[in-house]
Amino acid sequence: MRTDFSYSNTLGWNTFLIPLFIEQNKADLTACAESILLAREAHFPATIAEL
């Protein structure tokens, strides 16, 4: 049995394990996402590659 990652163009769902999130994890993730959106807005119309 192989233990390395496997990628397929026929799977239509995420095959990576995702840990269960507690409320603090969700709050941290939300804060990070908001920071990213604010940074992108501050540098509009720059692309992510330009940032």
PDB file of N, CA and C in Angstrom:
ATOM      1  N   MET A   1       0.846  -1.173   0.000  1.00  0.00           N
ATOM      2  CA  MET A   1       0.000   0.000   0.000  1.00  0.00           C
ATOM      3  C   MET A   1       0.893   1.238   0.000  1.00  0.00           C
ATOM      4  N   ARG A   2       0.658   2.114  -0.944  1.00  0.00           N
ATOM      5  CA  ARG A   2       1.443   3.346  -1.029  1.00  0.00           C
ATOM      6  C   ARG A   2       0.919   4.369  -0.032  1.00  0.00           C
ATOM      7  N   THR A   3       1.829   5.212   0.465  1.00  0.00           N
ATOM      8  CA  THR A   3       1.422   6.244   1.423  1.00  0.00           C
ATOM      9  C   THR A   3       1.670   7.650   0.896  1.00  0.00           C
ATOM     10  N   ASP A   4       2.156   7.772  -0.356  1.00  0.00           N
ATOM     11  CA  ASP A   4       2.397   9.106  -0.905  1.00  0.00           C
ATOM     12  C   ASP A   4       1.100   9.673  -1.475  1.00  0.00           C
ATOM     13  N   PHE A   5       1.098  10.975  -1.766  1.00  0.00           N
ATOM     14  CA  PHE A   5      -0.083  11.643  -2.299  1.00  0.00           C
ATOM     15  C   PHE A   5      -0.384  11.150  -3.700  1.00  0.00           C
ATOM     16  N   SER A   6      -1.649  11.108  -4.034  1.00  0.00           N
ATOM     17  CA  SER A   6      -2.084  10.686  -5.351  1.00  0.00           C
ATOM     18  C   SER A   6      -3.061  11.726  -5.903  1.00  0.00           C
ATOM     19  N   TYR A   7      -2.854  12.134  -7.138  1.00  0.00           N
ATOM     20  CA  TYR A   7      -3.710  13.125  -7.787  1.00  0.00           C
ATOM     21  C   TYR A   7      -4.396  12.481  -8.980  1.00  0.00           C
ATOM     22  N   SER A   8      -5.623  12.893  -9.219  1.00  0.00           N
ATOM     23  CA  SER A   8      -6.377  12.317 -10.321  1.00  0.00           C
ATOM     24  C   SER A   8      -7.241  13.387 -10.971  1.00  0.00           C
ATOM     25  N   ASN A   9      -7.355  13.333 -12.289  1.00  0.00           N
ATOM     26  CA  ASN A   9      -8.219  14.289 -12.988  1.00  0.00           C
ATOM     27  C   ASN A   9      -9.661  13.791 -13.060  1.00  0.00           C
ATOM     28  N   THR A  10      -9.933  12.619 -12.484  1.00  0.00           N
ATOM     29  CA  THR A  10     -11.285  12.077 -12.523  1.00  0.00           C
ATOM     30  C   THR A  10     -12.025  12.237 -11.201  1.00  0.00           C
ATOM     31  N   LEU A  11     -11.329  12.629 -10.142  1.00  0.00           N
ATOM     32  CA  LEU A  11     -11.991  12.830  -8.855  1.00  0.00           C
ATOM     33  C   LEU A  11     -12.546  14.243  -8.791  1.00  0.00           C
ATOM     34  N   GLY A  12     -13.749  14.373  -8.323  1.00  0.00           N
ATOM     35  CA  GLY A  12     -14.372  15.684  -8.272  1.00  0.00           C
ATOM     36  C   GLY A  12     -14.516  16.226  -6.863  1.00  0.00           C
ATOM     37  N   TRP A  13     -13.763  15.704  -5.914  1.00  0.00           N
ATOM     38  CA  TRP A  13     -13.837  16.176  -4.543  1.00  0.00           C
ATOM     39  C   TRP A  13     -12.447  16.244  -3.948  1.00  0.00           C
ATOM     40  N   ASN A  14     -12.350  16.935  -2.841  1.00  0.00           N
ATOM     41  CA  ASN A  14     -11.065  17.120  -2.176  1.00  0.00           C
ATOM     42  C   ASN A  14     -10.659  15.821  -1.483  1.00  0.00           C
ATOM     43  N   THR A  15      -9.506  15.280  -1.832  1.00  0.00           N
ATOM     44  CA  THR A  15      -9.061  14.025  -1.239  1.00  0.00           C
ATOM     45  C   THR A  15      -8.059  14.231  -0.102  1.00  0.00           C
ATOM     46  N   PHE A  16      -7.782  15.486   0.289  1.00  0.00           N
ATOM     47  CA  PHE A  16      -6.853  15.760   1.369  1.00  0.00           C
ATOM     48  C   PHE A  16      -7.596  15.742   2.698  1.00  0.00           C
ATOM     49  N   LEU A  17      -6.939  15.252   3.720  1.00  0.00           N
ATOM     50  CA  LEU A  17      -7.531  15.246   5.054  1.00  0.00           C
ATOM     51  C   LEU A  17      -7.589  16.667   5.600  1.00  0.00           C
ATOM     52  N   ILE A  18      -8.697  17.023   6.190  1.00  0.00           N
ATOM     53  CA  ILE A  18      -8.856  18.339   6.797  1.00  0.00           C
ATOM     54  C   ILE A  18      -9.234  18.120   8.252  1.00  0.00           C
ATOM     55  N   PRO A  19      -8.485  18.710   9.171  1.00  0.00           N
ATOM     56  CA  PRO A  19      -8.794  18.495  10.590  1.00  0.00           C
ATOM     57  C   PRO A  19     -10.104  19.174  10.972  1.00  0.00           C
ATOM     58  N   LEU A  20     -10.704  18.704  12.047  1.00  0.00           N
ATOM     59  CA  LEU A  20     -11.902  19.348  12.566  1.00  0.00           C
ATOM     60  C   LEU A  20     -11.518  20.701  13.137  1.00  0.00           C
ATOM     61  N   PHE A  21     -12.325  21.706  12.857  1.00  0.00           N
ATOM     62  CA  PHE A  21     -12.052  23.055  13.336  1.00  0.00           C
ATOM     63  C   PHE A  21     -12.855  23.323  14.606  1.00  0.00           C
ATOM     64  N   ILE A  22     -12.193  23.939  15.568  1.00  0.00           N
ATOM     65  CA  ILE A  22     -12.904  24.445  16.728  1.00  0.00           C
ATOM     66  C   ILE A  22     -13.254  25.899  16.423  1.00  0.00           C
ATOM     67  N   GLU A  23     -14.056  26.523  17.251  1.00  0.00           N
ATOM     68  CA  GLU A  23     -14.495  27.893  16.995  1.00  0.00           C
ATOM     69  C   GLU A  23     -13.317  28.856  16.865  1.00  0.00           C
ATOM     70  N   GLN A  24     -12.245  28.667  17.653  1.00  0.00           N
ATOM     71  CA  GLN A  24     -11.084  29.556  17.559  1.00  0.00           C
ATOM     72  C   GLN A  24     -10.404  29.423  16.205  1.00  0.00           C
ATOM     73  N   ASN A  25     -10.322  28.192  15.681  1.00  0.00           N
ATOM     74  CA  ASN A  25      -9.751  27.988  14.347  1.00  0.00           C
ATOM     75  C   ASN A  25     -10.565  28.729  13.299  1.00  0.00           C
ATOM     76  N   LYS A  26     -11.883  28.645  13.405  1.00  0.00           N
ATOM     77  CA  LYS A  26     -12.762  29.324  12.445  1.00  0.00           C
ATOM     78  C   LYS A  26     -12.590  30.836  12.536  1.00  0.00           C
ATOM     79  N   ALA A  27     -12.485  31.357  13.756  1.00  0.00           N
ATOM     80  CA  ALA A  27     -12.306  32.797  13.940  1.00  0.00           C
ATOM     81  C   ALA A  27     -10.959  33.245  13.369  1.00  0.00           C
ATOM     82  N   ASP A  28      -9.906  32.461  13.596  1.00  0.00           N
ATOM     83  CA  ASP A  28      -8.582  32.792  13.062  1.00  0.00           C
ATOM     84  C   ASP A  28      -8.594  32.773  11.537  1.00  0.00           C
ATOM     85  N   LEU A  29      -9.227  31.767  10.963  1.00  0.00           N
ATOM     86  CA  LEU A  29      -9.298  31.652   9.508  1.00  0.00           C
ATOM     87  C   LEU A  29     -10.079  32.818   8.914  1.00  0.00           C
ATOM     88  N   THR A  30     -11.169  33.190   9.561  1.00  0.00           N
ATOM     89  CA  THR A  30     -11.970  34.323   9.099  1.00  0.00           C
ATOM     90  C   THR A  30     -11.163  35.616   9.153  1.00  0.00           C
ATOM     91  N   ALA A  31     -10.419  35.825  10.235  1.00  0.00           N
ATOM     92  CA  ALA A  31      -9.599  37.036  10.370  1.00  0.00           C
ATOM     93  C   ALA A  31      -8.526  37.086   9.284  1.00  0.00           C
ATOM     94  N   CYS A  32      -7.899  35.964   8.994  1.00  0.00           N
ATOM     95  CA  CYS A  32      -6.880  35.922   7.943  1.00  0.00           C
ATOM     96  C   CYS A  32      -7.492  36.219   6.577  1.00  0.00           C
ATOM     97  N   ALA A  33      -8.640  35.646   6.302  1.00  0.00           N
ATOM     98  CA  ALA A  33      -9.305  35.886   5.014  1.00  0.00           C
ATOM     99  C   ALA A  33      -9.679  37.355   4.870  1.00  0.00           C
ATOM    100  N   GLU A  34     -10.180  37.955   5.939  1.00  0.00           N
ATOM    101  CA  GLU A  34     -10.525  39.372   5.886  1.00  0.00           C
ATOM    102  C   GLU A  34      -9.287  40.233   5.660  1.00  0.00           C
ATOM    103  N   SER A  35      -8.172  39.872   6.282  1.00  0.00           N
ATOM    104  CA  SER A  35      -6.921  40.619   6.084  1.00  0.00           C
ATOM    105  C   SER A  35      -6.459  40.546   4.632  1.00  0.00           C
ATOM    106  N   ILE A  36      -6.587  39.375   4.037  1.00  0.00           N
ATOM    107  CA  ILE A  36      -6.208  39.209   2.635  1.00  0.00           C
ATOM    108  C   ILE A  36      -7.087  40.079   1.743  1.00  0.00           C
ATOM    109  N   LEU A  37      -8.388  40.058   2.000  1.00  0.00           N
ATOM    110  CA  LEU A  37      -9.305  40.875   1.189  1.00  0.00           C
ATOM    111  C   LEU A  37      -9.015  42.361   1.346  1.00  0.00           C
ATOM    112  N   LEU A  38      -8.710  42.805   2.557  1.00  0.00           N
ATOM    113  CA  LEU A  38      -8.382  44.217   2.778  1.00  0.00           C
ATOM    114  C   LEU A  38      -7.082  44.603   2.067  1.00  0.00           C
ATOM    115  N   ALA A  39      -6.080  43.718   2.090  1.00  0.00           N
ATOM    116  CA  ALA A  39      -4.817  43.994   1.409  1.00  0.00           C
ATOM    117  C   ALA A  39      -5.035  44.084  -0.100  1.00  0.00           C
ATOM    118  N   ARG A  40      -5.854  43.189  -0.637  1.00  0.00           N
ATOM    119  CA  ARG A  40      -6.140  43.230  -2.080  1.00  0.00           C
ATOM    120  C   ARG A  40      -6.883  44.504  -2.441  1.00  0.00           C
ATOM    121  N   GLU A  41      -7.825  44.903  -1.575  1.00  0.00           N
ATOM    122  CA  GLU A  41      -8.588  46.127  -1.843  1.00  0.00           C
ATOM    123  C   GLU A  41      -7.689  47.360  -1.790  1.00  0.00           C
ATOM    124  N   ALA A  42      -6.729  47.363  -0.879  1.00  0.00           N
ATOM    125  CA  ALA A  42      -5.826  48.507  -0.737  1.00  0.00           C
ATOM    126  C   ALA A  42      -4.929  48.676  -1.954  1.00  0.00           C
ATOM    127  N   HIS A  43      -4.692  47.597  -2.702  1.00  0.00           N
ATOM    128  CA  HIS A  43      -3.807  47.638  -3.866  1.00  0.00           C
ATOM    129  C   HIS A  43      -4.555  47.421  -5.175  1.00  0.00           C
ATOM    130  N   PHE A  44      -5.870  47.623  -5.164  1.00  0.00           N
ATOM    131  CA  PHE A  44      -6.666  47.451  -6.375  1.00  0.00           C
ATOM    132  C   PHE A  44      -6.169  48.385  -7.468  1.00  0.00           C
ATOM    133  N   PRO A  45      -6.038  47.981  -8.676  1.00  0.00           N
ATOM    134  CA  PRO A  45      -6.436  46.757  -9.359  1.00  0.00           C
ATOM    135  C   PRO A  45      -5.284  45.763  -9.548  1.00  0.00           C
ATOM    136  N   ALA A  46      -4.279  45.800  -8.688  1.00  0.00           N
ATOM    137  CA  ALA A  46      -3.156  44.877  -8.802  1.00  0.00           C
ATOM    138  C   ALA A  46      -3.640  43.420  -8.679  1.00  0.00           C
ATOM    139  N   THR A  47      -2.987  42.552  -9.416  1.00  0.00           N
ATOM    140  CA  THR A  47      -3.323  41.118  -9.337  1.00  0.00           C
ATOM    141  C   THR A  47      -2.598  40.504  -8.160  1.00  0.00           C
ATOM    142  N   ILE A  48      -2.958  39.270  -7.823  1.00  0.00           N
ATOM    143  CA  ILE A  48      -2.284  38.579  -6.732  1.00  0.00           C
ATOM    144  C   ILE A  48      -0.805  38.392  -7.087  1.00  0.00           C
ATOM    145  N   ALA A  49      -0.512  38.099  -8.332  1.00  0.00           N
ATOM    146  CA  ALA A  49       0.876  37.935  -8.757  1.00  0.00           C
ATOM    147  C   ALA A  49       1.676  39.225  -8.550  1.00  0.00           C
ATOM    148  N   GLU A  50       1.044  40.356  -8.791  1.00  0.00           N
ATOM    149  CA  GLU A  50       1.746  41.652  -8.605  1.00  0.00           C
ATOM    150  C   GLU A  50       1.927  41.980  -7.126  1.00  0.00           C
ATOM    151  N   LEU A  51       1.020  41.515  -6.295  1.00  0.00           N
ATOM    152  CA  LEU A  51       1.157  41.775  -4.862  1.00  0.00           C
ATOM    153  C   LEU A  51       2.306  40.995  -4.298  1.00  0.00           C
TER     154      LEU A  51
END
